[in-house]
């Protein structure tokens, strides 16, 4: 396969990732509203550790498990930031 075709596939995957991250962000905003209504703290360390363990367990490579954990730690960090917001941008 040519470099151009591989890069085109990567571009398609990047667009899919962005759509999925946007969907996750929308859900985080909804979770934040529910947490505010219920007076529940945004940060739930047990939930975050479960997510990280699950993603590490599901990882089949070629990314190292440590890399997957770091990626999801960032996703969770930004999701928490969204949860404290009152409305979407």
N, C-alpha and C. Protein backbone atom coordinates (compact mmCIF):
# COMPACT_ATOMS: atom_id res chain seq x y z
N UNK A 1 0.85 -1.17 0.00
CA UNK A 1 0.00 0.00 0.00
C UNK A 1 0.90 1.24 0.00
N UNK A 2 0.45 2.27 -0.67
CA UNK A 2 1.25 3.48 -0.79
C UNK A 2 1.15 4.35 0.47
N UNK A 3 2.14 5.20 0.62
CA UNK A 3 2.15 6.14 1.74
C UNK A 3 0.91 7.02 1.71
N UNK A 4 0.54 7.48 0.53
CA UNK A 4 -0.63 8.36 0.40
C UNK A 4 -1.90 7.64 0.87
N UNK A 5 -2.06 6.39 0.49
CA UNK A 5 -3.26 5.64 0.92
C UNK A 5 -3.26 5.38 2.42
N UNK A 6 -2.10 5.06 2.96
CA UNK A 6 -2.01 4.86 4.41
C UNK A 6 -2.36 6.14 5.15
N UNK A 7 -1.84 7.26 4.67
CA UNK A 7 -2.16 8.54 5.33
C UNK A 7 -3.64 8.88 5.19
N UNK A 8 -4.24 8.54 4.07
CA UNK A 8 -5.69 8.77 3.89
C UNK A 8 -6.48 7.93 4.89
N UNK A 9 -6.04 6.70 5.14
CA UNK A 9 -6.70 5.87 6.14
C UNK A 9 -6.53 6.45 7.54
N UNK A 10 -5.34 6.94 7.83
CA UNK A 10 -5.11 7.58 9.13
C UNK A 10 -6.01 8.80 9.28
N UNK A 11 -6.15 9.59 8.23
CA UNK A 11 -7.04 10.76 8.28
C UNK A 11 -8.48 10.34 8.58
N UNK A 12 -8.93 9.25 7.98
CA UNK A 12 -10.30 8.77 8.25
C UNK A 12 -10.44 8.32 9.70
N UNK A 13 -9.44 7.61 10.19
CA UNK A 13 -9.46 7.17 11.59
C UNK A 13 -9.46 8.38 12.52
N UNK A 14 -8.65 9.39 12.20
CA UNK A 14 -8.61 10.61 13.02
C UNK A 14 -9.99 11.28 13.08
N UNK A 15 -10.68 11.32 11.96
CA UNK A 15 -12.04 11.91 11.96
C UNK A 15 -12.99 11.08 12.82
N UNK A 16 -12.85 9.76 12.75
CA UNK A 16 -13.68 8.90 13.58
C UNK A 16 -13.37 9.11 15.06
N UNK A 17 -12.10 9.21 15.38
CA UNK A 17 -11.70 9.46 16.77
C UNK A 17 -12.29 10.77 17.28
N UNK A 18 -12.22 11.81 16.45
CA UNK A 18 -12.76 13.10 16.85
C UNK A 18 -14.27 13.01 17.11
N UNK A 19 -14.98 12.31 16.23
CA UNK A 19 -16.42 12.14 16.44
C UNK A 19 -16.69 11.40 17.75
N UNK A 20 -15.93 10.36 18.02
CA UNK A 20 -16.12 9.60 19.26
C UNK A 20 -15.75 10.42 20.49
N UNK A 21 -14.68 11.18 20.41
CA UNK A 21 -14.31 12.04 21.54
C UNK A 21 -15.36 13.12 21.78
N UNK A 22 -15.93 13.64 20.72
CA UNK A 22 -16.99 14.65 20.86
C UNK A 22 -18.22 14.02 21.49
N UNK A 23 -18.55 12.81 21.09
CA UNK A 23 -19.70 12.12 21.69
C UNK A 23 -19.44 11.86 23.17
N UNK A 24 -18.23 11.46 23.51
CA UNK A 24 -17.89 11.22 24.91
C UNK A 24 -17.99 12.52 25.71
N UNK A 25 -17.55 13.62 25.10
CA UNK A 25 -17.63 14.93 25.77
C UNK A 25 -19.09 15.32 26.01
N UNK A 26 -19.95 15.08 25.04
CA UNK A 26 -21.38 15.37 25.22
C UNK A 26 -21.93 14.58 26.40
N UNK A 27 -21.56 13.32 26.48
CA UNK A 27 -22.02 12.48 27.59
C UNK A 27 -21.46 12.98 28.92
N UNK A 28 -20.21 13.42 28.94
CA UNK A 28 -19.61 13.96 30.17
C UNK A 28 -20.37 15.20 30.63
N UNK A 29 -20.78 16.05 29.70
CA UNK A 29 -21.57 17.23 30.06
C UNK A 29 -22.89 16.80 30.72
N UNK A 30 -23.53 15.79 30.17
CA UNK A 30 -24.78 15.29 30.75
C UNK A 30 -24.55 14.70 32.14
N UNK A 31 -23.47 13.94 32.27
CA UNK A 31 -23.12 13.37 33.58
C UNK A 31 -22.90 14.50 34.59
N UNK A 32 -22.21 15.54 34.16
CA UNK A 32 -21.95 16.67 35.05
C UNK A 32 -23.24 17.33 35.53
N UNK A 33 -24.21 17.48 34.64
CA UNK A 33 -25.50 18.07 35.04
C UNK A 33 -26.18 17.20 36.10
N UNK A 34 -26.17 15.89 35.88
CA UNK A 34 -26.79 14.98 36.84
C UNK A 34 -26.05 15.02 38.18
N UNK A 35 -24.73 15.03 38.14
CA UNK A 35 -23.96 15.10 39.38
C UNK A 35 -24.26 16.38 40.15
N UNK A 36 -24.37 17.51 39.44
CA UNK A 36 -24.70 18.78 40.11
C UNK A 36 -26.09 18.70 40.74
N UNK A 37 -27.06 18.15 40.02
CA UNK A 37 -28.42 18.03 40.55
C UNK A 37 -28.45 17.17 41.81
N UNK A 38 -27.63 16.15 41.83
CA UNK A 38 -27.62 15.21 42.96
C UNK A 38 -26.61 15.57 44.04
N UNK A 39 -25.80 16.60 43.79
CA UNK A 39 -24.78 16.99 44.76
C UNK A 39 -23.65 15.98 44.88
N UNK A 40 -23.37 15.29 43.79
CA UNK A 40 -22.33 14.26 43.77
C UNK A 40 -21.02 14.90 43.30
N UNK A 41 -19.90 14.56 43.92
CA UNK A 41 -18.62 15.11 43.47
C UNK A 41 -18.30 14.69 42.04
N UNK A 42 -17.61 15.56 41.33
CA UNK A 42 -17.21 15.25 39.96
C UNK A 42 -16.20 14.12 39.94
N UNK A 43 -15.21 14.18 40.81
CA UNK A 43 -14.13 13.18 40.80
C UNK A 43 -14.56 11.93 41.56
N UNK A 44 -14.47 10.80 40.88
CA UNK A 44 -14.78 9.50 41.47
C UNK A 44 -13.59 8.59 41.17
N UNK A 45 -12.66 8.52 42.12
CA UNK A 45 -11.41 7.78 41.87
C UNK A 45 -11.66 6.31 41.59
N UNK A 46 -12.65 5.71 42.26
CA UNK A 46 -12.92 4.29 42.00
C UNK A 46 -13.40 4.07 40.57
N UNK A 47 -14.28 4.95 40.08
CA UNK A 47 -14.76 4.84 38.69
C UNK A 47 -13.59 5.01 37.72
N UNK A 48 -12.76 6.01 37.95
CA UNK A 48 -11.64 6.25 37.05
C UNK A 48 -10.66 5.08 37.04
N UNK A 49 -10.38 4.51 38.21
CA UNK A 49 -9.48 3.35 38.26
C UNK A 49 -10.08 2.16 37.53
N UNK A 50 -11.41 1.97 37.65
CA UNK A 50 -12.07 0.89 36.91
C UNK A 50 -11.92 1.09 35.41
N UNK A 51 -12.13 2.32 34.95
CA UNK A 51 -12.00 2.62 33.52
C UNK A 51 -10.57 2.33 33.05
N UNK A 52 -9.59 2.79 33.80
CA UNK A 52 -8.19 2.58 33.42
C UNK A 52 -7.82 1.10 33.42
N UNK A 53 -8.29 0.37 34.42
CA UNK A 53 -8.01 -1.08 34.46
C UNK A 53 -8.66 -1.79 33.27
N UNK A 54 -9.89 -1.40 32.97
CA UNK A 54 -10.59 -2.04 31.86
C UNK A 54 -9.90 -1.76 30.52
N UNK A 55 -9.50 -0.52 30.30
CA UNK A 55 -8.82 -0.19 29.05
C UNK A 55 -7.48 -0.92 28.94
N UNK A 56 -6.77 -1.04 30.06
CA UNK A 56 -5.50 -1.78 30.05
C UNK A 56 -5.75 -3.25 29.74
N UNK A 57 -6.81 -3.80 30.32
CA UNK A 57 -7.13 -5.21 30.09
C UNK A 57 -7.55 -5.46 28.64
N UNK A 58 -8.28 -4.52 28.05
CA UNK A 58 -8.76 -4.67 26.68
C UNK A 58 -7.68 -4.41 25.62
N UNK A 59 -6.62 -3.74 26.02
CA UNK A 59 -5.57 -3.38 25.07
C UNK A 59 -4.90 -4.62 24.50
N UNK A 60 -4.88 -4.68 23.19
CA UNK A 60 -4.22 -5.79 22.49
C UNK A 60 -3.04 -5.30 21.66
N UNK A 61 -2.61 -4.05 21.88
CA UNK A 61 -1.45 -3.51 21.17
C UNK A 61 -1.85 -2.99 19.81
N UNK A 62 -0.97 -2.40 19.10
CA UNK A 62 0.46 -2.32 19.37
C UNK A 62 0.84 -1.23 20.38
N UNK A 63 -0.11 -0.43 20.85
CA UNK A 63 0.24 0.55 21.88
C UNK A 63 0.57 -0.17 23.18
N UNK A 64 1.57 0.32 23.87
CA UNK A 64 1.91 -0.23 25.19
C UNK A 64 0.78 0.10 26.16
N UNK A 65 0.55 -0.78 27.11
CA UNK A 65 -0.50 -0.56 28.10
C UNK A 65 -0.28 0.74 28.85
N UNK A 66 0.96 1.08 29.15
CA UNK A 66 1.25 2.35 29.83
C UNK A 66 0.80 3.53 28.98
N UNK A 67 0.96 3.43 27.68
CA UNK A 67 0.52 4.50 26.78
C UNK A 67 -0.99 4.60 26.77
N UNK A 68 -1.66 3.48 26.73
CA UNK A 68 -3.13 3.47 26.75
C UNK A 68 -3.62 4.11 28.04
N UNK A 69 -2.99 3.76 29.15
CA UNK A 69 -3.39 4.37 30.44
C UNK A 69 -3.22 5.89 30.40
N UNK A 70 -2.10 6.36 29.87
CA UNK A 70 -1.86 7.80 29.82
C UNK A 70 -2.89 8.50 28.92
N UNK A 71 -3.21 7.90 27.79
CA UNK A 71 -4.21 8.48 26.89
C UNK A 71 -5.55 8.58 27.60
N UNK A 72 -5.96 7.51 28.27
CA UNK A 72 -7.26 7.53 28.95
C UNK A 72 -7.24 8.41 30.20
N UNK A 73 -6.09 8.53 30.86
CA UNK A 73 -6.01 9.48 31.98
C UNK A 73 -6.29 10.90 31.48
N UNK A 74 -5.76 11.24 30.33
CA UNK A 74 -6.02 12.57 29.75
C UNK A 74 -7.48 12.73 29.36
N UNK A 75 -8.05 11.71 28.74
CA UNK A 75 -9.46 11.77 28.37
C UNK A 75 -10.31 11.97 29.62
N UNK A 76 -10.01 11.24 30.67
CA UNK A 76 -10.76 11.37 31.92
C UNK A 76 -10.57 12.75 32.54
N UNK A 77 -9.34 13.25 32.49
CA UNK A 77 -9.06 14.59 33.05
C UNK A 77 -9.89 15.64 32.33
N UNK A 78 -9.92 15.60 31.00
CA UNK A 78 -10.70 16.58 30.24
C UNK A 78 -12.19 16.36 30.41
N UNK A 79 -12.60 15.13 30.61
CA UNK A 79 -14.02 14.86 30.87
C UNK A 79 -14.44 15.48 32.20
N UNK A 80 -13.58 15.37 33.21
CA UNK A 80 -13.89 16.01 34.50
C UNK A 80 -14.05 17.51 34.34
N UNK A 81 -13.17 18.11 33.55
CA UNK A 81 -13.27 19.56 33.31
C UNK A 81 -14.61 19.91 32.67
N UNK A 82 -15.06 19.08 31.76
CA UNK A 82 -16.36 19.32 31.13
C UNK A 82 -17.50 19.14 32.13
N UNK A 83 -17.36 18.17 33.02
CA UNK A 83 -18.42 17.90 33.98
C UNK A 83 -18.69 19.09 34.90
N UNK A 84 -17.69 19.90 35.15
CA UNK A 84 -17.92 21.04 36.04
C UNK A 84 -18.52 22.22 35.29
N UNK A 85 -18.49 22.18 33.95
CA UNK A 85 -19.11 23.25 33.17
C UNK A 85 -20.62 23.16 33.24
N UNK A 86 -21.25 24.30 33.10
CA UNK A 86 -22.71 24.34 33.19
C UNK A 86 -23.39 24.14 31.85
N UNK A 87 -22.71 24.46 30.76
CA UNK A 87 -23.33 24.29 29.44
C UNK A 87 -22.23 24.13 28.40
N UNK A 88 -22.58 23.52 27.26
CA UNK A 88 -21.58 23.37 26.19
C UNK A 88 -21.17 24.71 25.62
N UNK A 89 -19.97 24.73 25.08
CA UNK A 89 -19.44 25.96 24.44
C UNK A 89 -20.20 26.29 23.20
